Amino acid sequence: ASRQRVSVSSLQQDEGSTLMASQGVLRFEAPRFTSPDDFAMIQISTMVGGKVRVLAFPFKFEYLPTITGPAKVVSFSPISIMETEALVLFVTIENVHRIDRPYSATQLLVQVAGLEIDAGLVSISSSDRTATSLR
């Protein structure tokens, strides 16, 4: 595990905040993440009276991969159907953002053969930091 220090980019404290009790918004920029792990443990501390004080309980921050370019189909089924069968297509795609729960296809623009598919006809079965599966 590595430790890194980052600078605070802004701090806005609520009116009436004191050194004993405070609420507000703290903004900082996390450094580039080079580990293959998905999460980084973040702990915020400060120096008060010459001693380091932890300001909040540690929390996990999820690093997500950078998305560049179009989505990529990595698997699909069925490979073929009979001419009289209705097509129910299962697709797993990569290079897309993770869909938040509860899953909603309105977060995606789905096209098949250049035609946009109504979001009401699409259901998402899973979505994580690297791939999303839909039907």
C-alpha atoms as a PDB file:
ATOM      1  CA  ALA A   1       0.000   0.000   0.000  1.00  0.00           C
ATOM      2  CA  SER A   2       1.262   3.424  -0.845  1.00  0.00           C
ATOM      3  CA  ARG A   3       0.542   6.715   0.868  1.00  0.00           C
ATOM      4  CA  GLN A   4       0.199   9.954  -0.996  1.00  0.00           C
ATOM      5  CA  ARG A   5      -0.527  13.475   0.132  1.00  0.00           C
ATOM      6  CA  VAL A   6      -2.796  15.711  -1.899  1.00  0.00           C
ATOM      7  CA  SER A   7      -3.622  19.380  -1.649  1.00  0.00           C
ATOM      8  CA  VAL A   8      -7.092  20.657  -0.881  1.00  0.00           C
ATOM      9  CA  SER A   9      -8.503  22.558  -3.859  1.00  0.00           C
ATOM     10  CA  SER A  10     -11.330  24.158  -1.857  1.00  0.00           C
ATOM     11  CA  LEU A  11     -12.968  24.096   1.554  1.00  0.00           C
ATOM     12  CA  GLN A  12     -16.397  25.600   2.200  1.00  0.00           C
ATOM     13  CA  GLN A  13     -17.562  25.473   5.806  1.00  0.00           C
ATOM     14  CA  ASP A  14     -21.157  25.924   6.836  1.00  0.00           C
ATOM     15  CA  GLU A  15     -22.048  29.048   8.791  1.00  0.00           C
ATOM     16  CA  GLY A  16     -21.514  28.534  12.527  1.00  0.00           C
ATOM     17  CA  SER A  17     -18.703  25.982  12.099  1.00  0.00           C
ATOM     18  CA  THR A  18     -16.083  25.879  14.840  1.00  0.00           C
ATOM     19  CA  LEU A  19     -12.916  23.905  15.547  1.00  0.00           C
ATOM     20  CA  MET A  20     -15.031  21.597  17.715  1.00  0.00           C
ATOM     21  CA  ALA A  21     -17.826  20.919  15.192  1.00  0.00           C
ATOM     22  CA  SER A  22     -18.037  21.686  11.522  1.00  0.00           C
ATOM     23  CA  GLN A  23     -19.867  20.728   8.366  1.00  0.00           C
ATOM     24  CA  GLY A  24     -18.928  21.689   4.874  1.00  0.00           C
ATOM     25  CA  VAL A  25     -17.562  20.604   1.514  1.00  0.00           C
ATOM     26  CA  LEU A  26     -13.938  19.583   1.042  1.00  0.00           C
ATOM     27  CA  ARG A  27     -12.631  19.190  -2.513  1.00  0.00           C
ATOM     28  CA  PHE A  28      -9.398  17.538  -3.541  1.00  0.00           C
ATOM     29  CA  GLU A  29      -8.072  15.816  -6.637  1.00  0.00           C
ATOM     30  CA  ALA A  30      -7.077  12.199  -6.181  1.00  0.00           C
ATOM     31  CA  PRO A  31      -3.789  11.253  -7.833  1.00  0.00           C
ATOM     32  CA  ARG A  32      -3.615   8.940 -10.851  1.00  0.00           C
ATOM     33  CA  PHE A  33      -4.209   5.381  -9.736  1.00  0.00           C
ATOM     34  CA  THR A  34      -1.648   2.895 -11.040  1.00  0.00           C
ATOM     35  CA  SER A  35      -2.642  -0.173  -9.029  1.00  0.00           C
ATOM     36  CA  PRO A  36      -4.791  -2.912 -10.584  1.00  0.00           C
ATOM     37  CA  ASP A  37      -7.072  -2.680  -7.527  1.00  0.00           C
ATOM     38  CA  ASP A  38     -10.521  -1.172  -7.959  1.00  0.00           C
ATOM     39  CA  PHE A  39     -10.622   0.812  -4.727  1.00  0.00           C
ATOM     40  CA  ALA A  40      -8.373   3.168  -2.820  1.00  0.00           C
ATOM     41  CA  MET A  41      -8.741   3.775   0.909  1.00  0.00           C
ATOM     42  CA  ILE A  42      -8.901   7.499   1.613  1.00  0.00           C
ATOM     43  CA  GLN A  43      -8.304   8.997   5.042  1.00  0.00           C
ATOM     44  CA  ILE A  44      -8.457  12.708   5.703  1.00  0.00           C
ATOM     45  CA  SER A  45      -6.289  14.133   8.458  1.00  0.00           C
ATOM     46  CA  THR A  46      -4.858  17.480   9.474  1.00  0.00           C
ATOM     47  CA  MET A  47      -2.289  18.914  11.853  1.00  0.00           C
ATOM     48  CA  VAL A  48      -3.746  20.629  14.936  1.00  0.00           C
ATOM     49  CA  GLY A  49      -1.475  21.857  17.713  1.00  0.00           C
ATOM     50  CA  GLY A  50       1.490  19.970  16.245  1.00  0.00           C
ATOM     51  CA  LYS A  51      -0.339  16.613  16.245  1.00  0.00           C
ATOM     52  CA  VAL A  52      -1.949  14.781  13.333  1.00  0.00           C
ATOM     53  CA  ARG A  53      -5.698  14.389  13.810  1.00  0.00           C
ATOM     54  CA  VAL A  54      -7.943  12.186  11.682  1.00  0.00           C
ATOM     55  CA  LEU A  55     -10.908  14.273  10.537  1.00  0.00           C
ATOM     56  CA  ALA A  56     -13.178  11.505   9.296  1.00  0.00           C
ATOM     57  CA  PHE A  57     -13.458   7.765   9.145  1.00  0.00           C
ATOM     58  CA  PRO A  58     -11.535   6.254   6.232  1.00  0.00           C
ATOM     59  CA  PHE A  59     -13.658   5.588   3.152  1.00  0.00           C
ATOM     60  CA  LYS A  60     -13.209   3.689  -0.082  1.00  0.00           C
ATOM     61  CA  PHE A  61     -12.987   5.495  -3.402  1.00  0.00           C
ATOM     62  CA  GLU A  62     -13.635   3.508  -6.571  1.00  0.00           C
ATOM     63  CA  TYR A  63     -11.352   4.241  -9.486  1.00  0.00           C
ATOM     64  CA  LEU A  64     -13.001   3.665 -12.851  1.00  0.00           C
ATOM     65  CA  PRO A  65     -11.168   3.089 -16.140  1.00  0.00           C
ATOM     66  CA  THR A  66     -10.867   5.913 -18.665  1.00  0.00           C
ATOM     67  CA  ILE A  67     -13.371   5.563 -21.487  1.00  0.00           C
ATOM     68  CA  THR A  68     -12.165   6.611 -24.931  1.00  0.00           C
ATOM     69  CA  GLY A  69     -13.729   5.765 -28.268  1.00  0.00           C
ATOM     70  CA  PRO A  70     -16.885   3.797 -29.005  1.00  0.00           C
ATOM     71  CA  ALA A  71     -18.384   0.944 -26.996  1.00  0.00           C
ATOM     72  CA  LYS A  72     -17.062  -2.524 -27.927  1.00  0.00           C
ATOM     73  CA  VAL A  73     -19.223  -5.655 -28.186  1.00  0.00           C
ATOM     74  CA  VAL A  74     -17.309  -8.484 -26.476  1.00  0.00           C
ATOM     75  CA  SER A  75     -19.976 -11.202 -26.671  1.00  0.00           C
ATOM     76  CA  PHE A  76     -23.463 -11.751 -28.013  1.00  0.00           C
ATOM     77  CA  SER A  77     -26.002 -14.524 -28.499  1.00  0.00           C
ATOM     78  CA  PRO A  78     -27.709 -16.074 -30.302  1.00  0.00           C
ATOM     79  CA  ILE A  79     -25.424 -16.286 -33.296  1.00  0.00           C
ATOM     80  CA  SER A  80     -28.329 -17.165 -35.613  1.00  0.00           C
ATOM     81  CA  ILE A  81     -32.106 -17.616 -35.496  1.00  0.00           C
ATOM     82  CA  MET A  82     -34.780 -19.063 -37.761  1.00  0.00           C
ATOM     83  CA  GLU A  83     -36.474 -16.582 -40.085  1.00  0.00           C
ATOM     84  CA  THR A  84     -39.774 -16.913 -38.205  1.00  0.00           C
ATOM     85  CA  GLU A  85     -38.263 -16.426 -34.717  1.00  0.00           C
ATOM     86  CA  ALA A  86     -38.368 -13.140 -32.836  1.00  0.00           C
ATOM     87  CA  LEU A  87     -34.883 -11.880 -32.053  1.00  0.00           C
ATOM     88  CA  VAL A  88     -33.999 -11.644 -28.362  1.00  0.00           C
ATOM     89  CA  LEU A  89     -30.392 -10.508 -28.330  1.00  0.00           C
ATOM     90  CA  PHE A  90     -28.041 -10.784 -25.328  1.00  0.00           C
ATOM     91  CA  VAL A  91     -24.995  -8.504 -25.545  1.00  0.00           C
ATOM     92  CA  THR A  92     -22.037  -7.694 -23.309  1.00  0.00           C
ATOM     93  CA  ILE A  93     -20.262  -4.429 -24.079  1.00  0.00           C
ATOM     94  CA  GLU A  94     -17.080  -2.831 -22.777  1.00  0.00           C
ATOM     95  CA  ASN A  95     -15.749   0.713 -22.866  1.00  0.00           C
ATOM     96  CA  VAL A  96     -18.977   2.122 -21.387  1.00  0.00           C
ATOM     97  CA  HIS A  97     -19.615   3.781 -18.066  1.00  0.00           C
ATOM     98  CA  ARG A  98     -20.995   1.663 -15.248  1.00  0.00           C
ATOM     99  CA  ILE A  99     -24.779   1.890 -15.020  1.00  0.00           C
ATOM    100  CA  ASP A 100     -26.065   2.940 -11.611  1.00  0.00           C
ATOM    101  CA  ARG A 101     -28.554   0.793  -9.689  1.00  0.00           C
ATOM    102  CA  PRO A 102     -31.428   0.502 -10.107  1.00  0.00           C
ATOM    103  CA  TYR A 103     -30.463  -0.276 -13.690  1.00  0.00           C
ATOM    104  CA  SER A 104     -32.172   1.834 -16.330  1.00  0.00           C
ATOM    105  CA  ALA A 105     -31.587   1.502 -20.057  1.00  0.00           C
ATOM    106  CA  THR A 106     -32.282   5.226 -20.395  1.00  0.00           C
ATOM    107  CA  GLN A 107     -28.615   5.687 -19.416  1.00  0.00           C
ATOM    108  CA  LEU A 108     -27.597   4.106 -22.751  1.00  0.00           C
ATOM    109  CA  LEU A 109     -28.298   4.757 -26.424  1.00  0.00           C
ATOM    110  CA  VAL A 110     -28.787   1.292 -27.932  1.00  0.00           C
ATOM    111  CA  GLN A 111     -28.660   0.787 -31.692  1.00  0.00           C
ATOM    112  CA  VAL A 112     -28.956  -2.432 -33.700  1.00  0.00           C
ATOM    113  CA  ALA A 113     -28.073  -2.282 -37.401  1.00  0.00           C
ATOM    114  CA  GLY A 114     -28.106   1.517 -37.168  1.00  0.00           C
ATOM    115  CA  LEU A 115     -31.630   1.671 -35.720  1.00  0.00           C
ATOM    116  CA  GLU A 116     -32.191   3.094 -32.248  1.00  0.00           C
ATOM    117  CA  ILE A 117     -33.917   0.662 -29.868  1.00  0.00           C
ATOM    118  CA  ASP A 118     -36.475   2.107 -27.449  1.00  0.00           C
ATOM    119  CA  ALA A 119     -35.083   2.015 -23.882  1.00  0.00           C
ATOM    120  CA  GLY A 120     -38.284   0.298 -22.720  1.00  0.00           C
ATOM    121  CA  LEU A 121     -37.342  -2.756 -24.797  1.00  0.00           C
ATOM    122  CA  VAL A 122     -33.872  -3.054 -23.241  1.00  0.00           C
ATOM    123  CA  SER A 123     -33.101  -4.559 -19.852  1.00  0.00           C
ATOM    124  CA  ILE A 124     -29.700  -4.433 -18.165  1.00  0.00           C
ATOM    125  CA  SER A 125     -28.704  -7.605 -16.321  1.00  0.00           C
ATOM    126  CA  SER A 126     -25.347  -6.459 -14.923  1.00  0.00           C
ATOM    127  CA  SER A 127     -22.955  -3.546 -15.020  1.00  0.00           C
ATOM    128  CA  ASP A 128     -19.553  -3.148 -13.400  1.00  0.00           C
ATOM    129  CA  ARG A 129     -16.442  -1.046 -13.856  1.00  0.00           C
ATOM    130  CA  THR A 130     -15.444  -2.790 -17.111  1.00  0.00           C
ATOM    131  CA  ALA A 131     -18.563  -4.210 -18.808  1.00  0.00           C
ATOM    132  CA  THR A 132     -22.351  -4.010 -19.078  1.00  0.00           C
ATOM    133  CA  SER A 133     -24.636  -6.854 -20.134  1.00  0.00           C
ATOM    134  CA  LEU A 134     -28.042  -6.235 -21.617  1.00  0.00           C
ATOM    135  CA  ARG A 135     -30.935  -7.936 -23.359  1.00  0.00           C
END
